[in-house]
């Protein structure tokens, strides 16, 4: 983020108000820097126009979703319906919806420059790890929306993670945490078979088989990325780190579209619920 506002505010504040004036000036400058960042524009060679960070986030999200759908070989009607459902979930206005639909269609093209698009997106986001992880989190969640992730999709997600600056180990850990988050949220079981991930369990009346309390507790540990043997301090640190990364207001200020704030809230709620369950099972206050 820019520091010009803070510096100017500090200098002017010190000049006219001494020490406390400098502090007040720096704080005021911080909010000016924040607003300038939020209103600032970024460029994209692929989308060929100047956009706000939030517009670029939205378009890149749907373009990559389209590319992930094509990774399986062809885009099915179910893929299109899932994309439309995601648009509806975000309550996009007509202009934003047209923008998203166009981006999704362009992402399906065989010559879609995935690495270039992600690299430019990463730079436009200021290489902010929390914002970039939220983007990848959304892509993984949408790829899992049909309860099936084949090897081509996972390989493409790995490429996206690499271009976003994550190591393979970080990517695998994030995948495991998101699988666990879905299991923790719904009780549905996932397992890997032949390089493909599919939802497992019996279905009765449209409801998936629910895991045991022990399985749900194990999923809670995986949601936080901690082990059962970790002490209270380690678990609390992991919890606070994740809550900070998925703080909705902070993410929106950094470039997350306001329409996606609810997703960040839901993520934070799952993290909170997982932490509460672990504390209850351990008897921690």
C-alpha atoms as a PDB file:
ATOM      1  CA  UNK A   1       0.000   0.000   0.000  1.00  0.00           C
ATOM      2  CA  UNK A   2       1.131   3.596  -0.617  1.00  0.00           C
ATOM      3  CA  UNK A   3       2.720   5.528   2.225  1.00  0.00           C
ATOM      4  CA  UNK A   4       2.602   9.035   0.730  1.00  0.00           C
ATOM      5  CA  UNK A   5      -0.468  10.035   2.724  1.00  0.00           C
ATOM      6  CA  UNK A   6       1.054   8.817   5.987  1.00  0.00           C
ATOM      7  CA  UNK A   7       4.318  10.659   5.359  1.00  0.00           C
ATOM      8  CA  UNK A   8       2.660  13.933   4.382  1.00  0.00           C
ATOM      9  CA  UNK A   9       0.221  13.657   7.253  1.00  0.00           C
ATOM     10  CA  UNK A  10       3.024  13.012   9.727  1.00  0.00           C
ATOM     11  CA  UNK A  11       5.101  15.967   8.510  1.00  0.00           C
ATOM     12  CA  UNK A  12       2.209  18.432   8.437  1.00  0.00           C
ATOM     13  CA  UNK A  13       0.880  17.181  11.741  1.00  0.00           C
ATOM     14  CA  UNK A  14       4.264  17.565  13.420  1.00  0.00           C
ATOM     15  CA  UNK A  15       4.720  21.025  11.970  1.00  0.00           C
ATOM     16  CA  UNK A  16       1.409  22.355  13.261  1.00  0.00           C
ATOM     17  CA  UNK A  17       0.746  20.147  16.271  1.00  0.00           C
ATOM     18  CA  UNK A  18       3.975  18.655  17.502  1.00  0.00           C
ATOM     19  CA  UNK A  19       4.171  14.999  18.509  1.00  0.00           C
ATOM     20  CA  UNK A  20       0.435  14.359  18.886  1.00  0.00           C
ATOM     21  CA  UNK A  21      -0.265  16.313  15.736  1.00  0.00           C
ATOM     22  CA  UNK A  22       2.153  14.032  13.894  1.00  0.00           C
ATOM     23  CA  UNK A  23       0.377  10.943  15.227  1.00  0.00           C
ATOM     24  CA  UNK A  24      -3.011  12.316  14.202  1.00  0.00           C
ATOM     25  CA  UNK A  25      -1.647  13.304  10.791  1.00  0.00           C
ATOM     26  CA  UNK A  26      -0.184   9.846  10.196  1.00  0.00           C
ATOM     27  CA  UNK A  27      -3.498   8.179  11.125  1.00  0.00           C
ATOM     28  CA  UNK A  28      -5.423  10.528   8.839  1.00  0.00           C
ATOM     29  CA  UNK A  29      -2.872   9.885   6.085  1.00  0.00           C
ATOM     30  CA  UNK A  30      -3.384   6.146   6.508  1.00  0.00           C
ATOM     31  CA  UNK A  31      -7.092   6.483   5.689  1.00  0.00           C
ATOM     32  CA  UNK A  32      -6.253   8.690   2.702  1.00  0.00           C
ATOM     33  CA  UNK A  33      -3.786   6.055   1.421  1.00  0.00           C
ATOM     34  CA  UNK A  34      -6.418   3.356   1.929  1.00  0.00           C
ATOM     35  CA  UNK A  35      -9.048   5.267  -0.035  1.00  0.00           C
ATOM     36  CA  UNK A  36      -6.615   6.034  -2.856  1.00  0.00           C
ATOM     37  CA  UNK A  37      -5.736   2.344  -3.047  1.00  0.00           C
ATOM     38  CA  UNK A  38      -9.402   1.306  -3.138  1.00  0.00           C
ATOM     39  CA  UNK A  39     -10.226   3.811  -5.887  1.00  0.00           C
ATOM     40  CA  UNK A  40      -7.034   3.191  -7.829  1.00  0.00           C
ATOM     41  CA  UNK A  41      -7.160   1.584 -11.250  1.00  0.00           C
ATOM     42  CA  UNK A  42      -5.124  -1.287 -12.679  1.00  0.00           C
ATOM     43  CA  UNK A  43      -4.482  -2.419 -16.216  1.00  0.00           C
ATOM     44  CA  UNK A  44      -4.868  -5.814 -17.834  1.00  0.00           C
ATOM     45  CA  UNK A  45      -3.459  -6.790 -21.213  1.00  0.00           C
ATOM     46  CA  UNK A  46      -5.987  -9.628 -21.457  1.00  0.00           C
ATOM     47  CA  UNK A  47      -9.130  -7.675 -20.565  1.00  0.00           C
ATOM     48  CA  UNK A  48      -7.724  -4.735 -22.568  1.00  0.00           C
ATOM     49  CA  UNK A  49      -8.998  -1.904 -20.424  1.00  0.00           C
ATOM     50  CA  UNK A  50      -8.407  -0.063 -17.206  1.00  0.00           C
ATOM     51  CA  UNK A  51     -10.280  -1.564 -14.270  1.00  0.00           C
ATOM     52  CA  UNK A  52     -10.580  -1.158 -10.542  1.00  0.00           C
ATOM     53  CA  UNK A  53      -8.981  -3.942  -8.498  1.00  0.00           C
ATOM     54  CA  UNK A  54     -12.413  -5.233  -7.562  1.00  0.00           C
ATOM     55  CA  UNK A  55     -13.518  -5.367 -11.220  1.00  0.00           C
ATOM     56  CA  UNK A  56     -10.334  -7.204 -12.145  1.00  0.00           C
ATOM     57  CA  UNK A  57     -10.842  -9.636  -9.262  1.00  0.00           C
ATOM     58  CA  UNK A  58     -14.372 -10.385 -10.455  1.00  0.00           C
ATOM     59  CA  UNK A  59     -13.439 -10.826 -14.119  1.00  0.00           C
ATOM     60  CA  UNK A  60     -10.369 -12.931 -13.361  1.00  0.00           C
ATOM     61  CA  UNK A  61     -12.443 -15.123 -11.052  1.00  0.00           C
ATOM     62  CA  UNK A  62     -14.971 -15.991 -13.742  1.00  0.00           C
ATOM     63  CA  UNK A  63     -12.410 -16.278 -16.554  1.00  0.00           C
ATOM     64  CA  UNK A  64     -10.425 -18.810 -14.535  1.00  0.00           C
ATOM     65  CA  UNK A  65     -13.644 -20.612 -13.594  1.00  0.00           C
ATOM     66  CA  UNK A  66     -14.390 -20.984 -17.299  1.00  0.00           C
ATOM     67  CA  UNK A  67     -10.888 -22.297 -17.927  1.00  0.00           C
ATOM     68  CA  UNK A  68     -11.197 -24.811 -15.092  1.00  0.00           C
ATOM     69  CA  UNK A  69     -14.480 -26.054 -16.527  1.00  0.00           C
ATOM     70  CA  UNK A  70     -12.806 -26.632 -19.898  1.00  0.00           C
ATOM     71  CA  UNK A  71      -9.902 -28.478 -18.232  1.00  0.00           C
ATOM     72  CA  UNK A  72     -12.080 -31.599 -17.971  1.00  0.00           C
ATOM     73  CA  UNK A  73     -12.310 -31.748 -21.769  1.00  0.00           C
ATOM     74  CA  UNK A  74     -15.518 -29.901 -22.411  1.00  0.00           C
ATOM     75  CA  UNK A  75     -17.787 -27.482 -20.617  1.00  0.00           C
ATOM     76  CA  UNK A  76     -20.995 -29.234 -19.645  1.00  0.00           C
ATOM     77  CA  UNK A  77     -24.418 -27.753 -19.014  1.00  0.00           C
ATOM     78  CA  UNK A  78     -23.850 -28.473 -15.330  1.00  0.00           C
ATOM     79  CA  UNK A  79     -20.701 -26.310 -15.398  1.00  0.00           C
ATOM     80  CA  UNK A  80     -22.661 -23.437 -16.908  1.00  0.00           C
ATOM     81  CA  UNK A  81     -25.442 -23.857 -14.344  1.00  0.00           C
ATOM     82  CA  UNK A  82     -22.914 -23.854 -11.496  1.00  0.00           C
ATOM     83  CA  UNK A  83     -21.374 -20.626 -12.832  1.00  0.00           C
ATOM     84  CA  UNK A  84     -24.820 -19.046 -13.113  1.00  0.00           C
ATOM     85  CA  UNK A  85     -25.661 -20.188  -9.591  1.00  0.00           C
ATOM     86  CA  UNK A  86     -22.454 -18.586  -8.348  1.00  0.00           C
ATOM     87  CA  UNK A  87     -23.383 -15.323 -10.086  1.00  0.00           C
ATOM     88  CA  UNK A  88     -26.809 -15.459  -8.439  1.00  0.00           C
ATOM     89  CA  UNK A  89     -25.221 -16.107  -5.074  1.00  0.00           C
ATOM     90  CA  UNK A  90     -23.195 -12.912  -5.464  1.00  0.00           C
ATOM     91  CA  UNK A  91     -26.312 -10.883  -6.371  1.00  0.00           C
ATOM     92  CA  UNK A  92     -24.497  -9.230  -9.273  1.00  0.00           C
ATOM     93  CA  UNK A  93     -26.224  -6.339 -10.987  1.00  0.00           C
ATOM     94  CA  UNK A  94     -26.913  -6.611 -14.719  1.00  0.00           C
ATOM     95  CA  UNK A  95     -23.651  -4.897 -15.756  1.00  0.00           C
ATOM     96  CA  UNK A  96     -21.506  -7.043 -13.453  1.00  0.00           C
ATOM     97  CA  UNK A  97     -23.344 -10.172 -14.573  1.00  0.00           C
ATOM     98  CA  UNK A  98     -22.648  -9.420 -18.245  1.00  0.00           C
ATOM     99  CA  UNK A  99     -19.005  -8.804 -17.349  1.00  0.00           C
ATOM    100  CA  UNK A 100     -18.833 -12.133 -15.516  1.00  0.00           C
ATOM    101  CA  UNK A 101     -20.525 -14.062 -18.330  1.00  0.00           C
ATOM    102  CA  UNK A 102     -18.173 -12.600 -20.915  1.00  0.00           C
ATOM    103  CA  UNK A 103     -15.145 -13.428 -18.758  1.00  0.00           C
ATOM    104  CA  UNK A 104     -16.366 -17.018 -18.247  1.00  0.00           C
ATOM    105  CA  UNK A 105     -16.789 -17.473 -22.006  1.00  0.00           C
ATOM    106  CA  UNK A 106     -13.329 -16.076 -22.748  1.00  0.00           C
ATOM    107  CA  UNK A 107     -11.829 -18.388 -20.144  1.00  0.00           C
ATOM    108  CA  UNK A 108     -13.152 -21.394 -22.082  1.00  0.00           C
ATOM    109  CA  UNK A 109     -11.017 -20.534 -25.127  1.00  0.00           C
ATOM    110  CA  UNK A 110      -8.285 -23.039 -25.875  1.00  0.00           C
ATOM    111  CA  UNK A 111      -5.667 -20.286 -26.098  1.00  0.00           C
ATOM    112  CA  UNK A 112      -6.635 -18.636 -22.807  1.00  0.00           C
ATOM    113  CA  UNK A 113      -3.289 -17.387 -21.369  1.00  0.00           C
ATOM    114  CA  UNK A 114      -3.779 -18.661 -17.841  1.00  0.00           C
ATOM    115  CA  UNK A 115      -0.270 -17.909 -16.587  1.00  0.00           C
ATOM    116  CA  UNK A 116      -0.235 -14.389 -18.013  1.00  0.00           C
ATOM    117  CA  UNK A 117      -3.667 -13.585 -16.585  1.00  0.00           C
ATOM    118  CA  UNK A 118      -2.733 -14.837 -13.117  1.00  0.00           C
ATOM    119  CA  UNK A 119       0.613 -13.035 -13.138  1.00  0.00           C
ATOM    120  CA  UNK A 120      -1.026  -9.720 -14.015  1.00  0.00           C
ATOM    121  CA  UNK A 121      -3.718 -10.361 -11.419  1.00  0.00           C
ATOM    122  CA  UNK A 122      -1.101 -11.029  -8.760  1.00  0.00           C
ATOM    123  CA  UNK A 123       0.709  -7.779  -9.521  1.00  0.00           C
ATOM    124  CA  UNK A 124      -2.559  -5.812  -9.565  1.00  0.00           C
ATOM    125  CA  UNK A 125      -3.405  -7.212  -6.118  1.00  0.00           C
ATOM    126  CA  UNK A 126      -0.101  -5.908  -4.790  1.00  0.00           C
ATOM    127  CA  UNK A 127       1.006  -9.507  -4.173  1.00  0.00           C
ATOM    128  CA  UNK A 128      -1.116  -9.506  -1.021  1.00  0.00           C
ATOM    129  CA  UNK A 129      -1.067 -13.099   0.292  1.00  0.00           C
ATOM    130  CA  UNK A 130      -4.465 -12.947   2.016  1.00  0.00           C
ATOM    131  CA  UNK A 131      -6.247 -11.589  -1.071  1.00  0.00           C
ATOM    132  CA  UNK A 132      -4.518 -14.081  -3.362  1.00  0.00           C
ATOM    133  CA  UNK A 133      -5.355 -16.995  -1.062  1.00  0.00           C
ATOM    134  CA  UNK A 134      -8.991 -15.895  -1.041  1.00  0.00           C
ATOM    135  CA  UNK A 135      -8.964 -15.961  -4.838  1.00  0.00           C
ATOM    136  CA  UNK A 136      -7.529 -19.491  -4.871  1.00  0.00           C
ATOM    137  CA  UNK A 137      -9.954 -20.561  -2.153  1.00  0.00           C
ATOM    138  CA  UNK A 138     -12.873 -19.451  -4.349  1.00  0.00           C
ATOM    139  CA  UNK A 139     -11.483 -21.348  -7.350  1.00  0.00           C
ATOM    140  CA  UNK A 140     -11.047 -24.551  -5.344  1.00  0.00           C
ATOM    141  CA  UNK A 141     -14.529 -24.265  -3.856  1.00  0.00           C
ATOM    142  CA  UNK A 142     -16.156 -23.742  -7.245  1.00  0.00           C
ATOM    143  CA  UNK A 143     -14.146 -26.606  -8.746  1.00  0.00           C
ATOM    144  CA  UNK A 144     -15.526 -28.835  -5.976  1.00  0.00           C
ATOM    145  CA  UNK A 145     -19.083 -27.589  -6.384  1.00  0.00           C
ATOM    146  CA  UNK A 146     -19.998 -30.646  -8.484  1.00  0.00           C
ATOM    147  CA  UNK A 147     -18.495 -32.958  -5.807  1.00  0.00           C
ATOM    148  CA  UNK A 148     -15.859 -34.104  -8.273  1.00  0.00           C
ATOM    149  CA  UNK A 149     -12.303 -32.965  -8.963  1.00  0.00           C
ATOM    150  CA  UNK A 150     -10.338 -34.828 -11.616  1.00  0.00           C
ATOM    151  CA  UNK A 151      -6.589 -34.735 -12.076  1.00  0.00           C
ATOM    152  CA  UNK A 152      -6.667 -32.156 -14.879  1.00  0.00           C
ATOM    153  CA  UNK A 153      -8.550 -29.705 -12.685  1.00  0.00           C
ATOM    154  CA  UNK A 154      -6.192 -30.280  -9.787  1.00  0.00           C
ATOM    155  CA  UNK A 155      -3.145 -29.828 -12.043  1.00  0.00           C
ATOM    156  CA  UNK A 156      -4.549 -26.523 -13.313  1.00  0.00           C
ATOM    157  CA  UNK A 157      -5.277 -25.367  -9.761  1.00  0.00           C
ATOM    158  CA  UNK A 158      -1.659 -26.203  -8.918  1.00  0.00           C
ATOM    159  CA  UNK A 159      -0.477 -23.981 -11.801  1.00  0.00           C
ATOM    160  CA  UNK A 160      -2.704 -21.160 -10.549  1.00  0.00           C
ATOM    161  CA  UNK A 161      -1.313 -21.554  -7.032  1.00  0.00           C
ATOM    162  CA  UNK A 162       2.243 -21.485  -8.376  1.00  0.00           C
ATOM    163  CA  UNK A 163       1.623 -18.254 -10.287  1.00  0.00           C
ATOM    164  CA  UNK A 164       0.043 -16.757  -7.166  1.00  0.00           C
ATOM    165  CA  UNK A 165       3.291 -17.435  -5.296  1.00  0.00           C
ATOM    166  CA  UNK A 166       2.353 -20.547  -3.311  1.00  0.00           C
ATOM    167  CA  UNK A 167       4.647 -23.535  -3.038  1.00  0.00           C
ATOM    168  CA  UNK A 168       3.361 -27.016  -3.864  1.00  0.00           C
ATOM    169  CA  UNK A 169       3.341 -27.853  -0.158  1.00  0.00           C
ATOM    170  CA  UNK A 170       1.281 -24.735   0.629  1.00  0.00           C
ATOM    171  CA  UNK A 171      -1.127 -25.619  -2.181  1.00  0.00           C
ATOM    172  CA  UNK A 172      -1.576 -29.195  -0.931  1.00  0.00           C
ATOM    173  CA  UNK A 173      -2.150 -27.934   2.605  1.00  0.00           C
ATOM    174  CA  UNK A 174      -4.731 -25.443   1.363  1.00  0.00           C
ATOM    175  CA  UNK A 175      -6.511 -28.157  -0.615  1.00  0.00           C
ATOM    176  CA  UNK A 176      -6.650 -30.357   2.489  1.00  0.00           C
ATOM    177  CA  UNK A 177      -7.999 -27.481   4.585  1.00  0.00           C
ATOM    178  CA  UNK A 178     -10.755 -26.723   2.077  1.00  0.00           C
ATOM    179  CA  UNK A 179     -11.745 -30.401   1.772  1.00  0.00           C
ATOM    180  CA  UNK A 180     -11.922 -30.517   5.568  1.00  0.00           C
ATOM    181  CA  UNK A 181     -13.918 -27.294   5.631  1.00  0.00           C
ATOM    182  CA  UNK A 182     -16.535 -28.812   3.348  1.00  0.00           C
ATOM    183  CA  UNK A 183     -16.639 -32.000   5.406  1.00  0.00           C
ATOM    184  CA  UNK A 184     -16.872 -29.979   8.608  1.00  0.00           C
ATOM    185  CA  UNK A 185     -19.683 -27.877   7.176  1.00  0.00           C
ATOM    186  CA  UNK A 186     -21.815 -30.671   5.718  1.00  0.00           C
ATOM    187  CA  UNK A 187     -20.584 -33.920   7.199  1.00  0.00           C
ATOM    188  CA  UNK A 188     -20.022 -35.260   3.676  1.00  0.00           C
ATOM    189  CA  UNK A 189     -17.005 -37.515   3.216  1.00  0.00           C
ATOM    190  CA  UNK A 190     -14.447 -37.141   0.421  1.00  0.00           C
ATOM    191  CA  UNK A 191     -11.801 -39.582  -0.637  1.00  0.00           C
ATOM    192  CA  UNK A 192      -9.331 -39.851  -3.486  1.00  0.00           C
ATOM    193  CA  UNK A 193      -9.727 -42.580  -6.065  1.00  0.00           C
ATOM    194  CA  UNK A 194      -7.460 -42.869  -9.068  1.00  0.00           C
ATOM    195  CA  UNK A 195      -6.424 -39.236  -8.888  1.00  0.00           C
ATOM    196  CA  UNK A 196     -10.042 -38.096  -8.704  1.00  0.00           C
ATOM    197  CA  UNK A 197     -11.885 -36.719  -5.698  1.00  0.00           C
ATOM    198  CA  UNK A 198     -15.490 -37.721  -5.285  1.00  0.00           C
ATOM    199  CA  UNK A 199     -18.070 -37.305  -2.577  1.00  0.00           C
ATOM    200  CA  UNK A 200     -18.719 -40.515  -0.685  1.00  0.00           C
ATOM    201  CA  UNK A 201     -21.532 -41.795   1.510  1.00  0.00           C
ATOM    202  CA  UNK A 202     -25.095 -42.994   1.452  1.00  0.00           C
ATOM    203  CA  UNK A 203     -27.883 -40.662   0.427  1.00  0.00           C
ATOM    204  CA  UNK A 204     -31.337 -40.786   1.883  1.00  0.00           C
ATOM    205  CA  UNK A 205     -33.952 -38.225   1.016  1.00  0.00           C
ATOM    206  CA  UNK A 206     -31.321 -36.110  -0.734  1.00  0.00           C
ATOM    207  CA  UNK A 207     -29.235 -35.826   2.442  1.00  0.00           C
ATOM    208  CA  UNK A 208     -25.593 -37.034   2.448  1.00  0.00           C
ATOM    209  CA  UNK A 209     -24.334 -39.512   5.000  1.00  0.00           C
ATOM    210  CA  UNK A 210     -23.082 -37.588   8.027  1.00  0.00           C
ATOM    211  CA  UNK A 211     -19.767 -38.349   9.668  1.00  0.00           C
ATOM    212  CA  UNK A 212     -19.315 -39.188  13.307  1.00  0.00           C
ATOM    213  CA  UNK A 213     -18.478 -36.645  16.013  1.00  0.00           C
ATOM    214  CA  UNK A 214     -14.878 -37.909  15.966  1.00  0.00           C
ATOM    215  CA  UNK A 215     -14.617 -37.373  12.207  1.00  0.00           C
ATOM    216  CA  UNK A 216     -16.088 -33.897  12.563  1.00  0.00           C
ATOM    217  CA  UNK A 217     -13.548 -33.044  15.247  1.00  0.00           C
ATOM    218  CA  UNK A 218     -10.728 -34.332  13.026  1.00  0.00           C
ATOM    219  CA  UNK A 219     -12.049 -32.146  10.206  1.00  0.00           C
ATOM    220  CA  UNK A 220     -12.005 -29.158  12.585  1.00  0.00           C
ATOM    221  CA  UNK A 221      -8.270 -29.664  13.150  1.00  0.00           C
ATOM    222  CA  UNK A 222      -7.713 -29.833   9.394  1.00  0.00           C
ATOM    223  CA  UNK A 223      -9.762 -26.656   8.854  1.00  0.00           C
ATOM    224  CA  UNK A 224      -7.212 -24.818  11.008  1.00  0.00           C
ATOM    225  CA  UNK A 225      -4.268 -26.726   9.549  1.00  0.00           C
ATOM    226  CA  UNK A 226      -3.164 -28.014  12.963  1.00  0.00           C
ATOM    227  CA  UNK A 227      -2.572 -31.443  14.506  1.00  0.00           C
ATOM    228  CA  UNK A 228      -4.425 -33.096  17.370  1.00  0.00           C
ATOM    229  CA  UNK A 229      -1.168 -33.061  19.350  1.00  0.00           C
ATOM    230  CA  UNK A 230      -0.600 -29.292  18.982  1.00  0.00           C
ATOM    231  CA  UNK A 231      -0.803 -27.295  22.194  1.00  0.00           C
ATOM    232  CA  UNK A 232      -3.303 -24.531  22.923  1.00  0.00           C
ATOM    233  CA  UNK A 233      -0.938 -21.724  21.942  1.00  0.00           C
ATOM    234  CA  UNK A 234      -0.187 -23.269  18.524  1.00  0.00           C
ATOM    235  CA  UNK A 235      -3.868 -23.817  17.791  1.00  0.00           C
ATOM    236  CA  UNK A 236      -4.753 -20.282  18.876  1.00  0.00           C
ATOM    237  CA  UNK A 237      -2.018 -18.815  16.662  1.00  0.00           C
ATOM    238  CA  UNK A 238      -3.263 -20.774  13.638  1.00  0.00           C
ATOM    239  CA  UNK A 239      -6.830 -19.673  14.365  1.00  0.00           C
ATOM    240  CA  UNK A 240      -5.907 -15.999  14.691  1.00  0.00           C
ATOM    241  CA  UNK A 241      -3.794 -16.113  11.526  1.00  0.00           C
ATOM    242  CA  UNK A 242      -6.684 -17.548   9.496  1.00  0.00           C
ATOM    243  CA  UNK A 243      -9.219 -15.141  10.981  1.00  0.00           C
ATOM    244  CA  UNK A 244      -6.953 -12.258  10.010  1.00  0.00           C
ATOM    245  CA  UNK A 245      -6.500 -13.615   6.468  1.00  0.00           C
ATOM    246  CA  UNK A 246     -10.232 -14.018   5.884  1.00  0.00           C
ATOM    247  CA  UNK A 247     -11.395 -10.837   7.613  1.00  0.00           C
ATOM    248  CA  UNK A 248     -14.147  -9.615   5.216  1.00  0.00           C
ATOM    249  CA  UNK A 249     -13.647  -5.866   5.684  1.00  0.00           C
ATOM    250  CA  UNK A 250      -9.883  -6.106   5.255  1.00  0.00           C
ATOM    251  CA  UNK A 251     -10.232  -8.199   2.103  1.00  0.00           C
ATOM    252  CA  UNK A 252     -12.720  -5.775   0.528  1.00  0.00           C
ATOM    253  CA  UNK A 253     -10.404  -2.866   1.316  1.00  0.00           C
ATOM    254  CA  UNK A 254      -7.583  -4.706  -0.473  1.00  0.00           C
ATOM    255  CA  UNK A 255      -9.561  -5.514  -3.626  1.00  0.00           C
ATOM    256  CA  UNK A 256     -12.150  -8.215  -2.929  1.00  0.00           C
ATOM    257  CA  UNK A 257     -15.441  -7.306  -4.640  1.00  0.00           C
ATOM    258  CA  UNK A 258     -18.110  -6.366  -2.061  1.00  0.00           C
ATOM    259  CA  UNK A 259     -20.354  -9.015  -3.612  1.00  0.00           C
ATOM    260  CA  UNK A 260     -17.904 -11.659  -2.358  1.00  0.00           C
ATOM    261  CA  UNK A 261     -17.840 -10.374   1.212  1.00  0.00           C
ATOM    262  CA  UNK A 262     -20.438 -12.955   2.237  1.00  0.00           C
ATOM    263  CA  UNK A 263     -18.105 -15.747   1.111  1.00  0.00           C
ATOM    264  CA  UNK A 264     -15.361 -14.347   3.316  1.00  0.00           C
ATOM    265  CA  UNK A 265     -17.818 -14.135   6.211  1.00  0.00           C
ATOM    266  CA  UNK A 266     -18.844 -17.761   5.728  1.00  0.00           C
ATOM    267  CA  UNK A 267     -15.199 -18.804   5.660  1.00  0.00           C
ATOM    268  CA  UNK A 268     -14.512 -16.906   8.887  1.00  0.00           C
ATOM    269  CA  UNK A 269     -17.569 -18.511  10.514  1.00  0.00           C
ATOM    270  CA  UNK A 270     -16.303 -21.999   9.662  1.00  0.00           C
ATOM    271  CA  UNK A 271     -12.891 -21.162  11.116  1.00  0.00           C
ATOM    272  CA  UNK A 272     -14.549 -19.841  14.279  1.00  0.00           C
ATOM    273  CA  UNK A 273     -16.771 -22.927  14.584  1.00  0.00           C
ATOM    274  CA  UNK A 274     -13.809 -25.273  14.099  1.00  0.00           C
ATOM    275  CA  UNK A 275     -11.791 -23.451  16.764  1.00  0.00           C
ATOM    276  CA  UNK A 276     -14.719 -23.474  19.193  1.00  0.00           C
ATOM    277  CA  UNK A 277     -15.209 -27.217  18.702  1.00  0.00           C
ATOM    278  CA  UNK A 278     -11.519 -27.939  19.348  1.00  0.00           C
ATOM    279  CA  UNK A 279     -11.502 -25.767  22.473  1.00  0.00           C
ATOM    280  CA  UNK A 280     -14.628 -27.505  23.758  1.00  0.00           C
ATOM    281  CA  UNK A 281     -13.156 -30.960  23.158  1.00  0.00           C
ATOM    282  CA  UNK A 282      -9.927 -29.980  24.933  1.00  0.00           C
ATOM    283  CA  UNK A 283     -11.590 -28.123  27.767  1.00  0.00           C
ATOM    284  CA  UNK A 284      -9.722 -24.926  26.835  1.00  0.00           C
ATOM    285  CA  UNK A 285     -11.084 -21.563  27.893  1.00  0.00           C
END
